[in-house]
Amino acid sequence: MSESTSIDKSGRLIVPASLRRQLGIRPGDRLHLRVVDGELRISTWQQAVERVQQSLAAYRPDDQEELASEALIRERRESAHHEGSLRSSKV
């Protein structure tokens, strides 16, 4: 899909509604802007994070199913859930 837009005096760029819908961009969303081969590329922060994760996945050992950060987050959530269960049983 191709659209046209312009930049106002303040440097603001209006992203047409049809493109916002296609990309799932909602008011208030943070966007990541980058220049690739002389073109402005716009993506959501979530898309940018996923792109970085995919590029780093090549460096993960084959026998490691999850990233260390993912394992830490999972362990912290399990610990918090366990602590919450202990508190509930004391009441």
Protein backbone atom coordinates (compact mmCIF):
# COMPACT_ATOMS: atom_id res chain seq x y z
CA MET A 1 0.00 0.00 0.00
CA SER A 2 1.28 3.46 -0.86
CA GLU A 3 0.07 6.79 0.51
CA SER A 4 1.17 10.42 0.37
CA THR A 5 1.49 12.85 3.23
CA SER A 6 3.37 16.01 4.11
CA ILE A 7 5.28 17.43 7.02
CA ASP A 8 3.91 20.54 8.74
CA LYS A 9 5.92 23.57 9.87
CA SER A 10 6.61 21.92 13.24
CA GLY A 11 8.08 18.84 11.56
CA ARG A 12 5.11 16.61 12.34
CA LEU A 13 4.29 13.83 9.94
CA ILE A 14 0.71 12.63 9.57
CA VAL A 15 0.46 8.89 9.03
CA PRO A 16 -2.73 8.21 7.05
CA ALA A 17 -5.42 6.20 8.86
CA SER A 18 -5.27 3.36 6.34
CA LEU A 19 -1.56 2.82 7.08
CA ARG A 20 -2.08 3.13 10.85
CA ARG A 21 -4.76 0.43 10.66
CA GLN A 22 -2.54 -1.80 8.51
CA LEU A 23 0.33 -1.49 11.01
CA GLY A 24 -1.87 -1.64 14.11
CA ILE A 25 -0.73 1.81 15.26
CA ARG A 26 -3.01 3.51 17.80
CA PRO A 27 -2.93 7.03 19.25
CA GLY A 28 -0.19 7.30 21.86
CA ASP A 29 1.85 4.36 20.52
CA ARG A 30 5.61 4.89 20.48
CA LEU A 31 7.17 4.44 17.07
CA HIS A 32 10.69 3.59 15.99
CA LEU A 33 12.06 5.56 13.03
CA ARG A 34 15.14 4.60 11.05
CA VAL A 35 16.71 5.36 7.72
CA VAL A 36 17.45 2.36 5.50
CA ASP A 37 18.91 2.86 2.04
CA GLY A 38 17.82 6.50 2.06
CA GLU A 39 14.23 5.69 3.04
CA LEU A 40 12.42 6.47 6.28
CA ARG A 41 11.13 3.27 7.87
CA ILE A 42 8.52 3.41 10.63
CA SER A 43 7.69 0.52 12.94
CA THR A 44 6.14 0.07 16.34
CA TRP A 45 8.46 -0.38 19.30
CA GLN A 46 7.20 -3.96 19.64
CA GLN A 47 8.17 -4.67 16.03
CA ALA A 48 11.59 -3.09 16.62
CA VAL A 49 12.16 -5.22 19.73
CA GLU A 50 11.11 -8.38 17.88
CA ARG A 51 13.48 -7.51 15.01
CA VAL A 52 16.40 -7.16 17.45
CA GLN A 53 15.47 -10.41 19.23
CA GLN A 54 15.40 -12.25 15.90
CA SER A 55 18.79 -10.87 14.92
CA LEU A 56 20.30 -11.88 18.29
CA ALA A 57 18.74 -15.36 18.20
CA ALA A 58 21.53 -16.43 15.85
CA TYR A 59 23.97 -16.02 18.75
CA ARG A 60 21.98 -18.17 21.18
CA PRO A 61 23.47 -21.62 21.73
CA ASP A 62 21.51 -24.36 19.96
CA ASP A 63 20.81 -26.20 23.22
CA GLN A 64 19.39 -23.09 24.90
CA GLU A 65 15.65 -22.91 24.30
CA GLU A 66 15.08 -19.50 25.87
CA LEU A 67 17.11 -16.36 26.36
CA ALA A 68 18.62 -15.75 29.80
CA SER A 69 16.38 -12.70 30.17
CA GLU A 70 13.30 -14.79 29.35
CA ALA A 71 14.34 -17.39 31.94
CA LEU A 72 14.88 -14.69 34.57
CA ILE A 73 11.47 -13.13 33.90
CA ARG A 74 9.80 -16.56 34.06
CA GLU A 75 11.56 -17.39 37.35
CA ARG A 76 10.61 -14.03 38.87
CA ARG A 77 6.96 -14.50 37.89
CA GLU A 78 6.93 -18.01 39.34
CA SER A 79 8.51 -16.72 42.55
CA ALA A 80 6.00 -13.87 42.84
CA HIS A 81 3.13 -16.31 42.25
CA HIS A 82 4.52 -18.66 44.91
CA GLU A 83 4.91 -15.78 47.41
CA GLY A 84 1.36 -14.68 46.70
CA SER A 85 0.11 -18.22 47.37
CA LEU A 86 1.98 -18.30 50.70
CA ARG A 87 0.44 -14.99 51.78
CA SER A 88 -3.05 -16.22 50.90
CA SER A 89 -2.63 -19.39 52.95
CA LYS A 90 -1.58 -17.42 56.06
CA VAL A 91 -4.80 -15.44 56.14
